[in-house]
Protein backbone atom coordinates (compact mmCIF):
# COMPACT_ATOMS: atom_id res chain seq x y z
CA MET A 1 0.00 0.00 0.00
CA SER A 2 1.37 3.41 -0.94
CA HIS A 3 1.98 6.16 1.57
CA HIS A 4 -0.90 8.54 0.95
CA GLN A 5 0.89 11.50 2.50
CA ASP A 6 3.45 11.19 -0.33
CA LEU A 7 0.79 11.63 -3.01
CA ASP A 8 0.91 14.66 -5.25
CA PHE A 9 -2.16 16.70 -6.08
CA LEU A 10 -4.11 15.10 -8.93
CA PRO A 11 -6.07 17.51 -11.12
CA LEU A 12 -9.58 16.32 -11.94
CA ASN A 13 -11.76 17.13 -14.96
CA LEU A 14 -14.88 19.04 -13.91
CA ALA A 15 -18.01 20.21 -15.68
CA ILE A 16 -20.09 23.02 -14.17
CA LEU A 17 -23.79 23.50 -14.81
CA THR A 18 -25.77 26.56 -13.77
CA VAL A 19 -29.50 25.88 -13.54
CA SER A 20 -31.31 29.12 -14.28
CA ASP A 21 -33.90 30.65 -16.54
CA SER A 22 -32.35 34.11 -16.26
CA ARG A 23 -28.59 33.94 -15.72
CA THR A 24 -26.04 34.45 -18.49
CA MET A 25 -22.32 33.67 -18.57
CA GLU A 26 -21.72 37.36 -17.80
CA ASN A 27 -23.80 37.49 -14.59
CA ASP A 28 -23.50 33.85 -13.42
CA SER A 29 -21.65 34.60 -10.18
CA SER A 30 -22.19 31.11 -8.73
CA GLY A 31 -20.92 29.26 -11.80
CA HIS A 32 -18.03 31.71 -11.97
CA LEU A 33 -17.12 31.11 -8.31
CA LEU A 34 -17.14 27.33 -8.83
CA ALA A 35 -15.05 27.55 -12.02
CA GLU A 36 -12.56 29.94 -10.40
CA SER A 37 -12.31 27.85 -7.22
CA ALA A 38 -11.75 24.63 -9.19
CA THR A 39 -9.14 26.24 -11.44
CA ALA A 40 -7.36 27.89 -8.49
CA ALA A 41 -7.20 24.48 -6.77
CA GLY A 42 -5.52 23.02 -9.88
CA HIS A 43 -8.46 21.21 -11.50
CA ARG A 44 -9.52 21.50 -15.15
CA VAL A 45 -12.94 22.90 -16.04
CA MET A 46 -13.74 20.94 -19.20
CA ALA A 47 -17.21 22.35 -19.77
CA ARG A 48 -19.51 25.00 -18.38
CA GLU A 49 -23.14 25.47 -19.35
CA ILE A 50 -26.30 27.27 -18.31
CA CYS A 51 -29.55 25.32 -18.64
CA SER A 52 -33.10 26.36 -17.86
CA ASP A 53 -34.79 24.67 -14.92
CA ASN A 54 -36.54 21.93 -16.88
CA ARG A 55 -35.94 18.42 -15.59
CA TYR A 56 -35.72 16.88 -19.09
CA LEU A 57 -33.28 19.45 -20.44
CA LEU A 58 -31.24 19.11 -17.24
CA ARG A 59 -31.29 15.32 -17.52
CA ALA A 60 -29.93 15.60 -21.07
CA VAL A 61 -26.99 17.77 -19.94
CA PHE A 62 -26.25 15.55 -16.93
CA SER A 63 -26.49 12.41 -19.09
CA HIS A 64 -24.11 13.84 -21.69
CA TRP A 65 -21.46 14.54 -19.05
CA ILE A 66 -22.04 11.24 -17.22
CA ALA A 67 -21.46 9.40 -20.51
CA ASP A 68 -18.31 11.43 -21.30
CA ASN A 69 -15.32 9.47 -19.97
CA GLU A 70 -13.25 12.68 -19.78
CA VAL A 71 -15.60 14.31 -17.23
CA GLN A 72 -14.91 13.01 -13.71
CA VAL A 73 -16.93 15.48 -11.61
CA VAL A 74 -20.09 17.45 -12.38
CA ILE A 75 -21.11 20.33 -10.12
CA SER A 76 -24.43 22.06 -10.66
CA THR A 77 -25.68 25.21 -8.99
CA GLY A 78 -29.34 26.16 -8.76
CA GLY A 79 -32.71 24.44 -8.79
CA THR A 80 -32.38 22.79 -5.36
CA GLY A 81 -35.09 24.73 -3.53
CA VAL A 82 -38.69 23.73 -2.92
CA THR A 83 -40.63 25.78 -5.49
CA GLY A 84 -42.20 24.48 -8.65
CA ARG A 85 -39.23 25.62 -10.78
CA ASP A 86 -36.69 23.76 -8.62
CA ASN A 87 -36.14 20.50 -10.48
CA THR A 88 -32.44 19.69 -10.23
CA PRO A 89 -32.70 16.82 -7.70
CA GLU A 90 -35.58 15.26 -9.67
CA ALA A 91 -33.60 15.61 -12.89
CA LEU A 92 -30.51 13.91 -11.49
CA MET A 93 -31.93 11.27 -9.13
CA PRO A 94 -32.99 8.73 -11.80
CA LEU A 95 -29.52 8.91 -13.37
CA LEU A 96 -27.60 8.03 -10.21
CA ASP A 97 -26.05 4.63 -9.59
CA LYS A 98 -25.51 5.57 -5.92
CA GLU A 99 -26.57 8.52 -3.81
CA ILE A 100 -24.11 10.08 -1.36
CA ALA A 101 -26.65 10.94 1.35
CA GLY A 102 -24.15 12.50 3.74
CA PHE A 103 -23.39 15.31 1.31
CA GLY A 104 -26.72 17.06 1.83
CA GLU A 105 -26.55 16.51 5.58
CA LEU A 106 -23.04 17.93 5.85
CA PHE A 107 -23.84 20.87 3.56
CA ARG A 108 -26.89 21.84 5.62
CA SER A 109 -24.84 21.51 8.81
CA LEU A 110 -22.18 23.89 7.44
CA SER A 111 -24.78 26.22 5.95
CA PHE A 112 -26.68 26.44 9.25
CA GLY A 113 -23.88 28.62 10.63
CA ASP A 114 -24.47 31.13 7.81
CA ILE A 115 -28.23 31.13 7.26
CA GLY A 116 -29.71 29.29 10.25
CA ALA A 117 -32.82 27.19 9.82
CA SER A 118 -33.33 28.50 6.26
CA THR A 119 -30.83 25.82 5.19
CA ILE A 120 -33.66 23.27 5.55
CA GLN A 121 -34.99 24.52 2.18
CA SER A 122 -31.84 23.37 0.39
CA ARG A 123 -32.24 20.01 -1.32
CA THR A 124 -28.56 19.59 -2.12
CA LEU A 125 -27.76 16.19 -3.57
CA ALA A 126 -24.70 14.16 -4.47
CA GLY A 127 -24.12 10.80 -6.05
CA MET A 128 -22.21 8.70 -8.53
CA ALA A 129 -23.11 7.55 -12.02
CA ASN A 130 -20.84 5.80 -14.52
CA ALA A 131 -17.74 6.57 -12.40
CA THR A 132 -18.68 10.27 -12.37
CA LEU A 133 -19.19 12.22 -9.15
CA LEU A 134 -22.17 14.58 -9.23
CA PHE A 135 -22.92 17.42 -6.82
CA CYS A 136 -26.03 19.64 -6.91
CA LEU A 137 -25.58 22.89 -5.00
CA PRO A 138 -27.97 25.77 -4.33
CA GLY A 139 -27.94 28.74 -6.67
CA SER A 140 -26.64 31.29 -4.21
CA THR A 141 -22.98 32.23 -4.51
CA GLY A 142 -22.60 32.05 -0.72
CA ALA A 143 -23.92 28.48 -0.71
CA CYS A 144 -21.51 27.52 -3.50
CA ARG A 145 -18.62 29.01 -1.52
CA THR A 146 -19.71 27.11 1.61
CA ALA A 147 -19.90 23.85 -0.34
CA TRP A 148 -16.56 24.37 -2.13
CA ASP A 149 -14.60 25.52 0.92
CA GLY A 150 -16.15 23.09 3.38
CA ILE A 151 -16.65 19.93 1.31
CA LEU A 152 -15.74 19.91 -2.37
CA GLY A 153 -12.31 21.56 -2.23
CA PRO A 154 -10.97 19.15 0.39
CA GLN A 155 -12.84 16.10 -0.92
CA LEU A 156 -11.64 16.57 -4.52
CA ASP A 157 -8.03 16.66 -3.28
CA ARG A 158 -6.52 13.18 -2.90
CA ARG A 159 -4.15 14.47 -0.21
CA THR A 160 -7.08 14.97 2.21
CA ARG A 161 -6.98 12.47 5.09
CA PRO A 162 -8.39 10.09 6.10
CA CYS A 163 -10.28 9.73 2.81
CA ASN A 164 -11.60 11.73 -0.11
CA PHE A 165 -13.61 11.47 -3.31
CA ALA A 166 -10.53 11.95 -5.50
CA GLN A 167 -9.22 8.56 -4.31
CA LEU A 168 -12.49 6.94 -5.32
CA ILE A 169 -12.18 8.33 -8.85
CA GLU A 170 -8.78 6.68 -9.13
CA ARG A 171 -10.33 3.39 -8.00
CA PHE A 172 -13.16 3.72 -10.57
CA SER A 173 -10.58 3.77 -13.35
CA GLU A 174 -8.88 0.63 -12.02
CA SER A 175 -11.95 -1.53 -12.54
């Protein structure tokens, strides 16, 4: 078994999806924050799109990236609330091979410090499909920062102990 503390950083290939009927690339602060954070950490942003909050259009984008062997991680922002136009979890759920239930729990725990009980309205979701990690974050830039700084940044870095998602991606490719 290798000594994990000796591992170098391994850049991952990410795709970022903003779920919105109104945002553009120019004013998509949440997508921009995620792309900048990923790039600053050393990852590669392979694709970035904006899609309206329609579960079938969203499912098509998610499916395309899940099927693309180059994309290892998909992060979406938006569409995780409880209104009629919030469809991201419903779009993604049928595509998942496995759900990572603890992601939503941990996100809401971290977010509670910022927004209190309002975090209960966030239906953040994570899972795996076809050896791709998928994370659905709220649309607010603050929520995306909380998720990146508190969970995704460390968990997408294979140097994080005792375990991380980056290690799992390496194990997917061994099978």
